[in-house]
Amino acid sequence: MENTTILIIEDEPTINRIVANYFKKENYTVLSALDGFKGLQLFNSHKVDLICLDIMMPNINGWDVAKTIRETSNIPIIMMSALSEEEDILKGYSLKVDDYITKPFNPKILIAKVRNLLDRISNPTLEQNVAGILEVSGIKMNLDTHKVYIHNQEIDLSKTEFDLLEYFLKHQGKICSRNLLLDEVWGIDVYVEDRIVDTYVKKLRKYLGENANYIKTVFGVGYRFEVLD
């Protein structure tokens, strides 16, 4: 996209070049760094709209780069890494990165993630007004009356179902582990098995009907609510 600058921080020259070329073909402006130190220099000296960040790099690794950037900026960050273990993915999200893609990956998928993330930031599909309304792509929640409508058809949700859907809508695009959902929806003082989350997600998908695919399963981690136009 014209006037949109992507910073690629990736120490493997071939991957860096291939990803950069794909972004350039889509008319993005691209800045490239082969290590974390250079990446931070570019970030501090240029206007950057989004960062694609590798983890295993010399001098300064991706974890430390993300941590440093988050001290001063909420710029979107997508981690690119061969580290695919659950603990590595969750570590990325604990550092407030916005998405995580594991290597090897198709650059077209990365571009789609970038486009979706930037579109959501500049033209959010989720709106909340003074009346306490959450609305996204045919789903409407009234937080004051606890009523939910799917394509203008009212559906009857239990309190937990309502709270879970509300959490998903308020955190679009974020991967939510089962433990996180248990703490945020059920409460940290309530003990229930983590698989209860799966049961309630199944219920929500049934209610959502044709919109059920908005709740994505992230295998080994949890769920992500995402609307792809």
Protein backbone atom coordinates (compact mmCIF):
# COMPACT_ATOMS: atom_id res chain seq x y z
CA MET A 1 0.00 0.00 0.00
CA GLU A 2 1.30 3.41 -0.97
CA ASN A 3 2.77 5.44 1.91
CA THR A 4 2.59 2.43 4.24
CA THR A 5 6.01 1.43 5.54
CA ILE A 6 6.83 -2.12 6.64
CA LEU A 7 9.98 -2.79 8.65
CA ILE A 8 11.34 -6.32 8.16
CA ILE A 9 13.81 -7.47 10.83
CA GLU A 10 15.11 -10.86 9.68
CA ASP A 11 18.70 -12.12 9.84
CA GLU A 12 18.38 -14.66 7.01
CA PRO A 13 19.18 -12.61 3.86
CA THR A 14 17.21 -14.81 1.48
CA ILE A 15 14.03 -14.75 3.56
CA ASN A 16 14.46 -11.02 4.15
CA ARG A 17 14.80 -10.34 0.42
CA ILE A 18 11.90 -12.59 -0.61
CA VAL A 19 9.50 -11.10 1.94
CA ALA A 20 10.61 -7.56 1.04
CA ASN A 21 10.02 -8.20 -2.66
CA TYR A 22 6.50 -9.49 -2.00
CA PHE A 23 5.65 -6.36 -0.03
CA LYS A 24 7.13 -4.12 -2.71
CA LYS A 25 4.97 -5.83 -5.34
CA GLU A 26 1.97 -4.83 -3.22
CA ASN A 27 3.21 -1.20 -3.26
CA TYR A 28 4.35 -1.11 0.34
CA THR A 29 7.43 0.89 1.27
CA VAL A 30 9.94 -1.52 2.81
CA LEU A 31 12.79 -1.07 5.27
CA SER A 32 15.00 -4.10 5.94
CA ALA A 33 17.37 -5.00 8.76
CA LEU A 34 19.47 -8.14 9.17
CA ASP A 35 19.76 -7.91 12.97
CA GLY A 36 17.86 -6.53 15.93
CA PHE A 37 20.21 -3.62 16.57
CA LYS A 38 19.85 -2.30 13.02
CA GLY A 39 16.11 -2.90 13.21
CA LEU A 40 15.80 -0.71 16.29
CA GLN A 41 17.87 1.98 14.58
CA LEU A 42 15.54 1.99 11.57
CA PHE A 43 12.48 2.02 13.82
CA ASN A 44 13.79 5.03 15.73
CA SER A 45 14.81 6.96 12.62
CA HIS A 46 11.86 6.33 10.28
CA LYS A 47 8.09 6.46 10.33
CA VAL A 48 7.09 2.80 10.39
CA ASP A 49 3.52 1.44 10.22
CA LEU A 50 4.14 -2.26 10.98
CA ILE A 51 7.03 -4.54 11.91
CA CYS A 52 7.66 -8.12 10.75
CA LEU A 53 10.08 -9.48 13.33
CA ASP A 54 12.21 -12.63 13.46
CA ILE A 55 13.10 -14.07 16.87
CA MET A 56 16.41 -15.91 16.61
CA MET A 57 18.88 -13.20 15.59
CA PRO A 58 22.43 -12.24 16.58
CA ASN A 59 23.22 -9.32 18.92
CA ILE A 60 19.64 -8.55 19.93
CA ASN A 61 16.96 -11.25 19.57
CA GLY A 62 13.37 -10.65 18.56
CA TRP A 63 12.05 -10.98 22.10
CA ASP A 64 14.23 -8.09 23.27
CA VAL A 65 13.45 -6.02 20.18
CA ALA A 66 9.71 -6.40 20.80
CA LYS A 67 10.12 -5.62 24.51
CA THR A 68 12.14 -2.47 23.72
CA ILE A 69 9.64 -1.25 21.14
CA ARG A 70 6.68 -1.87 23.44
CA GLU A 71 8.20 0.45 26.03
CA THR A 72 7.41 3.40 23.77
CA SER A 73 5.08 2.26 20.98
CA ASN A 74 1.96 0.22 20.19
CA ILE A 75 2.98 -0.25 16.56
CA PRO A 76 1.66 -3.54 15.12
CA ILE A 77 4.21 -6.37 15.33
CA ILE A 78 4.01 -9.74 13.60
CA MET A 79 6.50 -12.35 14.79
CA MET A 80 8.06 -14.58 12.10
CA SER A 81 9.78 -17.61 13.58
CA ALA A 82 10.63 -21.27 13.26
CA LEU A 83 9.82 -21.54 16.97
CA SER A 84 6.40 -23.15 16.95
CA GLU A 85 6.09 -24.49 20.48
CA GLU A 86 3.12 -23.26 22.50
CA GLU A 87 5.36 -21.58 25.08
CA ASP A 88 7.16 -19.60 22.37
CA ILE A 89 3.91 -18.41 20.82
CA LEU A 90 2.50 -17.45 24.21
CA LYS A 91 5.73 -15.61 25.06
CA GLY A 92 5.24 -13.53 21.94
CA TYR A 93 1.73 -12.59 22.95
CA SER A 94 2.87 -11.82 26.49
CA LEU A 95 5.07 -9.16 24.89
CA LYS A 96 1.95 -7.71 23.23
CA VAL A 97 2.78 -8.71 19.66
CA ASP A 98 -0.24 -8.67 17.37
CA ASP A 99 0.23 -11.90 15.43
CA TYR A 100 2.61 -14.83 15.03
CA ILE A 101 3.46 -16.77 11.88
CA THR A 102 5.67 -19.87 11.91
CA LYS A 103 8.32 -20.71 9.33
CA PRO A 104 8.23 -21.91 6.67
CA PHE A 105 5.33 -19.74 5.53
CA ASN A 106 3.85 -18.48 2.30
CA PRO A 107 4.67 -14.75 1.99
CA LYS A 108 1.17 -14.23 0.61
CA ILE A 109 -0.24 -15.35 3.97
CA LEU A 110 2.01 -12.87 5.76
CA ILE A 111 0.84 -10.07 3.47
CA ALA A 112 -2.78 -11.04 4.10
CA LYS A 113 -2.16 -10.86 7.86
CA VAL A 114 -0.49 -7.47 7.48
CA ARG A 115 -3.29 -6.10 5.32
CA ASN A 116 -5.96 -7.38 7.69
CA LEU A 117 -4.20 -5.93 10.73
CA LEU A 118 -3.64 -2.52 9.15
CA ASP A 119 -7.20 -2.39 7.83
CA ARG A 120 -8.57 -3.19 11.28
CA ILE A 121 -6.52 -0.38 12.80
CA SER A 122 -7.41 2.25 10.21
CA ASN A 123 -11.02 1.15 9.64
CA PRO A 124 -12.08 -0.90 12.66
CA THR A 125 -15.05 -3.17 12.07
CA LEU A 126 -15.77 -3.16 15.80
CA GLU A 127 -17.63 -0.12 17.04
CA GLN A 128 -18.65 0.74 20.58
CA ASN A 129 -20.83 3.78 21.14
CA VAL A 130 -22.06 5.63 24.20
CA ALA A 131 -25.10 3.37 24.38
CA GLY A 132 -22.88 0.36 25.09
CA ILE A 133 -23.24 -1.32 21.69
CA LEU A 134 -20.69 -3.70 20.24
CA GLU A 135 -21.25 -4.43 16.56
CA VAL A 136 -19.17 -6.38 14.08
CA SER A 137 -20.14 -7.99 10.79
CA GLY A 138 -23.75 -8.91 11.59
CA ILE A 139 -23.19 -9.48 15.32
CA LYS A 140 -24.64 -6.84 17.65
CA MET A 141 -24.35 -6.83 21.43
CA ASN A 142 -26.07 -4.42 23.78
CA LEU A 143 -23.95 -4.38 26.91
CA ASP A 144 -26.58 -2.55 28.92
CA THR A 145 -29.52 -4.87 28.23
CA HIS A 146 -27.43 -8.04 27.64
CA LYS A 147 -29.23 -8.66 24.36
CA VAL A 148 -27.52 -10.17 21.33
CA TYR A 149 -28.60 -10.06 17.70
CA ILE A 150 -27.24 -12.09 14.81
CA HIS A 151 -28.25 -10.44 11.54
CA ASN A 152 -31.03 -8.64 13.45
CA GLN A 153 -32.33 -11.91 14.92
CA GLU A 154 -32.25 -11.90 18.72
CA ILE A 155 -30.60 -14.91 20.33
CA ASP A 156 -30.75 -15.98 23.95
CA LEU A 157 -27.33 -16.37 25.60
CA SER A 158 -26.47 -17.32 29.15
CA LYS A 159 -24.35 -14.89 31.16
CA THR A 160 -21.17 -16.87 30.52
CA GLU A 161 -21.91 -17.20 26.81
CA PHE A 162 -22.56 -13.46 26.64
CA ASP A 163 -19.35 -12.63 28.52
CA LEU A 164 -17.29 -14.92 26.31
CA LEU A 165 -18.68 -13.43 23.10
CA GLU A 166 -18.13 -9.92 24.47
CA TYR A 167 -14.51 -10.75 25.24
CA PHE A 168 -13.96 -12.12 21.74
CA LEU A 169 -15.47 -9.05 20.09
CA LYS A 170 -13.40 -6.69 22.21
CA HIS A 171 -10.19 -8.55 21.41
CA GLN A 172 -10.45 -9.22 17.69
CA GLY A 173 -7.36 -10.73 16.13
CA LYS A 174 -5.75 -11.66 19.44
CA ILE A 175 -4.94 -15.27 20.24
CA CYS A 176 -6.60 -16.15 23.55
CA SER A 177 -5.35 -19.16 25.45
CA ARG A 178 -7.85 -21.23 27.40
CA ASN A 179 -6.28 -20.12 30.67
CA LEU A 180 -6.60 -16.48 29.68
CA LEU A 181 -10.27 -16.94 28.82
CA LEU A 182 -10.88 -18.77 32.07
CA ASP A 183 -9.35 -15.89 34.04
CA GLU A 184 -11.10 -13.12 32.09
CA VAL A 185 -14.54 -14.70 31.62
CA TRP A 186 -15.00 -17.18 34.47
CA GLY A 187 -12.77 -15.33 36.94
CA ILE A 188 -9.49 -16.15 38.68
CA ASP A 189 -11.28 -17.29 41.84
CA VAL A 190 -13.41 -19.89 40.04
CA TYR A 191 -11.97 -23.35 39.45
CA VAL A 192 -13.20 -25.14 36.34
CA GLU A 193 -11.46 -27.44 33.88
CA ASP A 194 -9.90 -25.56 30.96
CA ARG A 195 -11.82 -27.73 28.47
CA ILE A 196 -15.02 -26.00 29.56
CA VAL A 197 -13.86 -23.22 27.23
CA ASP A 198 -14.13 -25.62 24.27
CA THR A 199 -17.69 -26.45 25.26
CA TYR A 200 -18.73 -22.81 25.35
CA VAL A 201 -16.95 -22.02 22.10
CA LYS A 202 -18.89 -24.86 20.48
CA LYS A 203 -22.11 -23.32 21.80
CA LEU A 204 -21.21 -19.88 20.48
CA ARG A 205 -20.39 -21.26 17.05
CA LYS A 206 -23.81 -22.90 16.95
CA TYR A 207 -25.48 -19.59 17.80
CA LEU A 208 -23.39 -17.69 15.24
CA GLY A 209 -24.46 -19.98 12.41
CA GLU A 210 -22.89 -18.81 9.15
CA ASN A 211 -20.59 -16.58 11.21
CA ALA A 212 -19.25 -19.53 13.23
CA ASN A 213 -15.93 -19.45 11.39
CA TYR A 214 -15.17 -16.08 12.99
CA ILE A 215 -13.95 -18.04 16.02
CA LYS A 216 -10.73 -19.64 14.80
CA THR A 217 -9.10 -22.54 16.59
CA VAL A 218 -5.38 -22.02 17.20
CA PHE A 219 -4.25 -25.59 17.77
CA GLY A 220 -2.33 -26.15 20.96
CA VAL A 221 -2.99 -22.61 22.16
CA GLY A 222 -6.63 -21.54 22.19
CA TYR A 223 -8.87 -19.37 20.01
CA ARG A 224 -8.87 -16.18 17.99
CA PHE A 225 -11.90 -14.13 16.92
CA GLU A 226 -11.22 -12.79 13.45
CA VAL A 227 -13.37 -11.36 10.69
CA LEU A 228 -11.81 -11.64 7.23
CA ASP A 229 -13.66 -9.66 4.59
